[in-house]
């Protein structure tokens, strides 16, 4: 839910107003003094390298339908980000993976429905056969010198970090 979408108090239903709270203007309930704090969306992405090739998935939905990215998705409330990364690989690429390390964390929302924070992990395939699923229509390994069109700048940034 976007900050702009919150118009009524989630506790008592009163229309919210903007008021100075904790050093900035925040949507606040004039009846019960509840303050709305917008939480960032957190996503995870997984880099899997096999025979010097990187695993990418092609987006079957917008934004950027038909372009390629690392297997990725949102972290559910209360979910361990490592578990989310492993879950997303199974959902999108049909493979079970084991996270082996943290690559980096990037901040910056690339599109209105996107994450604010993306955690990038390395992972190794444990089992399964490559098979597109969820919001993906293709899965393939690519040589880093001949990558297909990438959907997100963050994917390029991580691949550039690795050299």
C-alpha atoms as a PDB file:
ATOM      1  CA  UNK A   1       0.000   0.000   0.000  1.00  0.00           C
ATOM      2  CA  UNK A   2       1.383   3.352  -1.051  1.00  0.00           C
ATOM      3  CA  UNK A   3       1.625   6.304   1.331  1.00  0.00           C
ATOM      4  CA  UNK A   4      -0.786   8.236  -0.896  1.00  0.00           C
ATOM      5  CA  UNK A   5      -3.379   5.414  -0.759  1.00  0.00           C
ATOM      6  CA  UNK A   6      -3.828   5.615   3.017  1.00  0.00           C
ATOM      7  CA  UNK A   7      -6.690   8.014   3.708  1.00  0.00           C
ATOM      8  CA  UNK A   8      -8.442   6.569   6.767  1.00  0.00           C
ATOM      9  CA  UNK A   9      -7.210   5.360  10.148  1.00  0.00           C
ATOM     10  CA  UNK A  10      -6.695   1.605  10.228  1.00  0.00           C
ATOM     11  CA  UNK A  11      -7.715   1.590  13.904  1.00  0.00           C
ATOM     12  CA  UNK A  12     -10.842   3.768  14.086  1.00  0.00           C
ATOM     13  CA  UNK A  13     -11.712   4.739  10.493  1.00  0.00           C
ATOM     14  CA  UNK A  14     -11.325   8.503  10.924  1.00  0.00           C
ATOM     15  CA  UNK A  15     -10.045  10.460   7.929  1.00  0.00           C
ATOM     16  CA  UNK A  16      -6.293  11.047   8.274  1.00  0.00           C
ATOM     17  CA  UNK A  17      -4.604  14.430   8.236  1.00  0.00           C
ATOM     18  CA  UNK A  18      -0.993  15.423   7.617  1.00  0.00           C
ATOM     19  CA  UNK A  19       0.720  16.412  10.853  1.00  0.00           C
ATOM     20  CA  UNK A  20       4.303  16.876  12.038  1.00  0.00           C
ATOM     21  CA  UNK A  21       5.278  13.597  13.713  1.00  0.00           C
ATOM     22  CA  UNK A  22       8.780  12.284  14.396  1.00  0.00           C
ATOM     23  CA  UNK A  23      10.531  14.955  12.368  1.00  0.00           C
ATOM     24  CA  UNK A  24       8.369  15.019   9.229  1.00  0.00           C
ATOM     25  CA  UNK A  25       4.845  15.293   7.870  1.00  0.00           C
ATOM     26  CA  UNK A  26       3.027  11.979   8.308  1.00  0.00           C
ATOM     27  CA  UNK A  27      -0.552  10.865   7.863  1.00  0.00           C
ATOM     28  CA  UNK A  28      -2.027  10.937  11.367  1.00  0.00           C
ATOM     29  CA  UNK A  29      -5.429  10.238  12.911  1.00  0.00           C
ATOM     30  CA  UNK A  30      -6.860  13.307  14.671  1.00  0.00           C
ATOM     31  CA  UNK A  31      -9.190  11.071  16.743  1.00  0.00           C
ATOM     32  CA  UNK A  32      -6.861   8.395  18.185  1.00  0.00           C
ATOM     33  CA  UNK A  33      -3.426   9.855  17.253  1.00  0.00           C
ATOM     34  CA  UNK A  34      -2.411   6.775  15.251  1.00  0.00           C
ATOM     35  CA  UNK A  35       0.484   7.554  12.882  1.00  0.00           C
ATOM     36  CA  UNK A  36       0.954   5.841   9.541  1.00  0.00           C
ATOM     37  CA  UNK A  37       4.550   4.751   8.834  1.00  0.00           C
ATOM     38  CA  UNK A  38       5.088   3.555   5.265  1.00  0.00           C
ATOM     39  CA  UNK A  39       7.208   0.390   5.304  1.00  0.00           C
ATOM     40  CA  UNK A  40       9.589  -0.287   2.415  1.00  0.00           C
ATOM     41  CA  UNK A  41       8.936  -3.195   0.082  1.00  0.00           C
ATOM     42  CA  UNK A  42      11.764  -5.715   0.286  1.00  0.00           C
ATOM     43  CA  UNK A  43      12.648  -8.133  -2.509  1.00  0.00           C
ATOM     44  CA  UNK A  44      15.306 -10.780  -3.002  1.00  0.00           C
ATOM     45  CA  UNK A  45      17.134 -11.860  -6.153  1.00  0.00           C
ATOM     46  CA  UNK A  46      19.363 -14.862  -6.690  1.00  0.00           C
ATOM     47  CA  UNK A  47      22.485 -15.224  -8.812  1.00  0.00           C
ATOM     48  CA  UNK A  48      23.121 -18.780  -9.944  1.00  0.00           C
ATOM     49  CA  UNK A  49      26.222 -19.416 -12.028  1.00  0.00           C
ATOM     50  CA  UNK A  50      26.840 -22.771 -13.694  1.00  0.00           C
ATOM     51  CA  UNK A  51      29.667 -23.472 -16.165  1.00  0.00           C
ATOM     52  CA  UNK A  52      30.446 -19.718 -16.135  1.00  0.00           C
ATOM     53  CA  UNK A  53      26.900 -18.921 -17.276  1.00  0.00           C
ATOM     54  CA  UNK A  54      24.292 -16.978 -15.315  1.00  0.00           C
ATOM     55  CA  UNK A  55      20.696 -18.134 -14.863  1.00  0.00           C
ATOM     56  CA  UNK A  56      18.087 -15.622 -16.009  1.00  0.00           C
ATOM     57  CA  UNK A  57      14.310 -15.731 -16.219  1.00  0.00           C
ATOM     58  CA  UNK A  58      12.183 -13.926 -18.793  1.00  0.00           C
ATOM     59  CA  UNK A  59       9.346 -11.870 -17.356  1.00  0.00           C
ATOM     60  CA  UNK A  60       5.902 -13.007 -18.449  1.00  0.00           C
ATOM     61  CA  UNK A  61       4.215  -9.969 -16.902  1.00  0.00           C
ATOM     62  CA  UNK A  62       4.640  -6.212 -16.845  1.00  0.00           C
ATOM     63  CA  UNK A  63       6.583  -4.219 -16.037  1.00  0.00           C
ATOM     64  CA  UNK A  64       9.144  -5.159 -18.660  1.00  0.00           C
ATOM     65  CA  UNK A  65       7.374  -8.244 -20.005  1.00  0.00           C
ATOM     66  CA  UNK A  66       9.674 -10.182 -22.354  1.00  0.00           C
ATOM     67  CA  UNK A  67      12.880  -8.905 -20.770  1.00  0.00           C
ATOM     68  CA  UNK A  68      15.226 -10.924 -18.575  1.00  0.00           C
ATOM     69  CA  UNK A  69      16.235 -10.742 -14.926  1.00  0.00           C
ATOM     70  CA  UNK A  70      17.558 -12.852 -12.083  1.00  0.00           C
ATOM     71  CA  UNK A  71      15.006 -15.055 -10.287  1.00  0.00           C
ATOM     72  CA  UNK A  72      13.484 -12.631  -7.797  1.00  0.00           C
ATOM     73  CA  UNK A  73      10.447 -11.627  -5.805  1.00  0.00           C
ATOM     74  CA  UNK A  74       9.056  -9.975  -2.716  1.00  0.00           C
ATOM     75  CA  UNK A  75       9.771 -11.127   0.821  1.00  0.00           C
ATOM     76  CA  UNK A  76       6.520 -11.979   2.603  1.00  0.00           C
ATOM     77  CA  UNK A  77       5.842 -10.474   6.031  1.00  0.00           C
ATOM     78  CA  UNK A  78       7.581 -12.614   8.643  1.00  0.00           C
ATOM     79  CA  UNK A  79       9.577 -14.565   6.022  1.00  0.00           C
ATOM     80  CA  UNK A  80      13.333 -15.041   6.256  1.00  0.00           C
ATOM     81  CA  UNK A  81      14.838 -13.350   3.161  1.00  0.00           C
ATOM     82  CA  UNK A  82      17.037 -16.387   2.478  1.00  0.00           C
ATOM     83  CA  UNK A  83      13.947 -18.597   2.451  1.00  0.00           C
ATOM     84  CA  UNK A  84      12.234 -16.091   0.127  1.00  0.00           C
ATOM     85  CA  UNK A  85      15.162 -16.263  -2.327  1.00  0.00           C
ATOM     86  CA  UNK A  86      15.064 -20.069  -2.339  1.00  0.00           C
ATOM     87  CA  UNK A  87      11.247 -20.062  -2.695  1.00  0.00           C
ATOM     88  CA  UNK A  88      11.350 -17.646  -5.634  1.00  0.00           C
ATOM     89  CA  UNK A  89      13.836 -19.874  -7.508  1.00  0.00           C
ATOM     90  CA  UNK A  90      11.503 -22.836  -7.103  1.00  0.00           C
ATOM     91  CA  UNK A  91       8.427 -20.813  -8.126  1.00  0.00           C
ATOM     92  CA  UNK A  92      10.010 -19.076 -11.117  1.00  0.00           C
ATOM     93  CA  UNK A  93      12.642 -21.503 -12.394  1.00  0.00           C
ATOM     94  CA  UNK A  94      11.503 -24.925 -11.118  1.00  0.00           C
ATOM     95  CA  UNK A  95      14.717 -25.553  -9.205  1.00  0.00           C
ATOM     96  CA  UNK A  96      15.511 -26.008  -5.560  1.00  0.00           C
ATOM     97  CA  UNK A  97      18.540 -23.966  -4.520  1.00  0.00           C
ATOM     98  CA  UNK A  98      20.626 -23.366  -1.432  1.00  0.00           C
ATOM     99  CA  UNK A  99      21.760 -19.813  -0.769  1.00  0.00           C
ATOM    100  CA  UNK A 100      25.541 -19.725  -0.364  1.00  0.00           C
ATOM    101  CA  UNK A 101      26.202 -16.063   0.340  1.00  0.00           C
ATOM    102  CA  UNK A 102      25.210 -12.434   0.234  1.00  0.00           C
ATOM    103  CA  UNK A 103      26.299 -10.364  -2.788  1.00  0.00           C
ATOM    104  CA  UNK A 104      24.918  -6.917  -2.012  1.00  0.00           C
ATOM    105  CA  UNK A 105      21.893  -4.886  -1.061  1.00  0.00           C
ATOM    106  CA  UNK A 106      20.558  -2.131  -3.329  1.00  0.00           C
ATOM    107  CA  UNK A 107      18.147   0.685  -2.540  1.00  0.00           C
ATOM    108  CA  UNK A 108      15.959   2.471  -5.052  1.00  0.00           C
ATOM    109  CA  UNK A 109      12.540   1.789  -6.519  1.00  0.00           C
ATOM    110  CA  UNK A 110      12.763   1.207 -10.298  1.00  0.00           C
ATOM    111  CA  UNK A 111       9.009   1.290 -10.955  1.00  0.00           C
ATOM    112  CA  UNK A 112       5.882   2.149  -8.911  1.00  0.00           C
ATOM    113  CA  UNK A 113       5.105  -1.471  -7.938  1.00  0.00           C
ATOM    114  CA  UNK A 114       8.740  -2.370  -7.345  1.00  0.00           C
ATOM    115  CA  UNK A 115      10.779  -2.980  -4.242  1.00  0.00           C
ATOM    116  CA  UNK A 116      12.590  -0.242  -2.367  1.00  0.00           C
ATOM    117  CA  UNK A 117      15.285  -2.628  -1.100  1.00  0.00           C
ATOM    118  CA  UNK A 118      16.620  -5.649  -3.012  1.00  0.00           C
ATOM    119  CA  UNK A 119      18.857  -8.227  -1.351  1.00  0.00           C
ATOM    120  CA  UNK A 120      21.026 -10.176  -3.809  1.00  0.00           C
ATOM    121  CA  UNK A 121      22.239 -13.671  -2.912  1.00  0.00           C
ATOM    122  CA  UNK A 122      24.431 -16.309  -4.538  1.00  0.00           C
ATOM    123  CA  UNK A 123      22.940 -19.790  -4.656  1.00  0.00           C
ATOM    124  CA  UNK A 124      23.692 -23.279  -5.894  1.00  0.00           C
ATOM    125  CA  UNK A 125      21.236 -25.658  -7.532  1.00  0.00           C
ATOM    126  CA  UNK A 126      20.305 -28.589  -5.299  1.00  0.00           C
ATOM    127  CA  UNK A 127      17.708 -30.328  -7.476  1.00  0.00           C
ATOM    128  CA  UNK A 128      15.021 -29.902 -10.104  1.00  0.00           C
ATOM    129  CA  UNK A 129      14.740 -29.233 -13.815  1.00  0.00           C
ATOM    130  CA  UNK A 130      14.621 -25.750 -15.302  1.00  0.00           C
ATOM    131  CA  UNK A 131      10.978 -24.968 -15.911  1.00  0.00           C
ATOM    132  CA  UNK A 132       9.317 -21.533 -16.069  1.00  0.00           C
ATOM    133  CA  UNK A 133       6.575 -20.861 -13.572  1.00  0.00           C
ATOM    134  CA  UNK A 134       4.738 -18.133 -11.656  1.00  0.00           C
ATOM    135  CA  UNK A 135       5.253 -14.850 -13.583  1.00  0.00           C
ATOM    136  CA  UNK A 136       8.047 -16.171 -15.845  1.00  0.00           C
ATOM    137  CA  UNK A 137       7.716 -17.622 -19.367  1.00  0.00           C
ATOM    138  CA  UNK A 138      11.317 -18.759 -20.032  1.00  0.00           C
ATOM    139  CA  UNK A 139      14.371 -19.825 -18.049  1.00  0.00           C
ATOM    140  CA  UNK A 140      17.882 -20.149 -19.465  1.00  0.00           C
ATOM    141  CA  UNK A 141      21.587 -19.860 -18.737  1.00  0.00           C
ATOM    142  CA  UNK A 142      23.507 -17.115 -20.565  1.00  0.00           C
ATOM    143  CA  UNK A 143      27.149 -16.339 -21.081  1.00  0.00           C
ATOM    144  CA  UNK A 144      27.829 -12.948 -19.478  1.00  0.00           C
ATOM    145  CA  UNK A 145      29.273 -11.671 -22.755  1.00  0.00           C
ATOM    146  CA  UNK A 146      25.982 -12.272 -24.598  1.00  0.00           C
ATOM    147  CA  UNK A 147      23.153 -11.378 -22.235  1.00  0.00           C
ATOM    148  CA  UNK A 148      19.612 -10.812 -23.513  1.00  0.00           C
ATOM    149  CA  UNK A 149      17.817  -7.474 -22.861  1.00  0.00           C
ATOM    150  CA  UNK A 150      17.698  -7.013 -19.085  1.00  0.00           C
ATOM    151  CA  UNK A 151      14.495  -5.863 -17.381  1.00  0.00           C
ATOM    152  CA  UNK A 152      16.021  -3.921 -14.501  1.00  0.00           C
ATOM    153  CA  UNK A 153      19.020  -1.710 -13.872  1.00  0.00           C
ATOM    154  CA  UNK A 154      19.611  -3.525 -10.577  1.00  0.00           C
ATOM    155  CA  UNK A 155      20.285  -6.766 -12.478  1.00  0.00           C
ATOM    156  CA  UNK A 156      22.918  -4.970 -14.572  1.00  0.00           C
ATOM    157  CA  UNK A 157      24.426  -3.412 -11.445  1.00  0.00           C
ATOM    158  CA  UNK A 158      24.870  -6.773  -9.739  1.00  0.00           C
ATOM    159  CA  UNK A 159      26.333  -8.415 -12.829  1.00  0.00           C
ATOM    160  CA  UNK A 160      28.761  -5.465 -13.142  1.00  0.00           C
ATOM    161  CA  UNK A 161      29.757  -5.776  -9.465  1.00  0.00           C
ATOM    162  CA  UNK A 162      30.862  -9.333 -10.204  1.00  0.00           C
ATOM    163  CA  UNK A 163      32.964  -8.224 -13.171  1.00  0.00           C
END
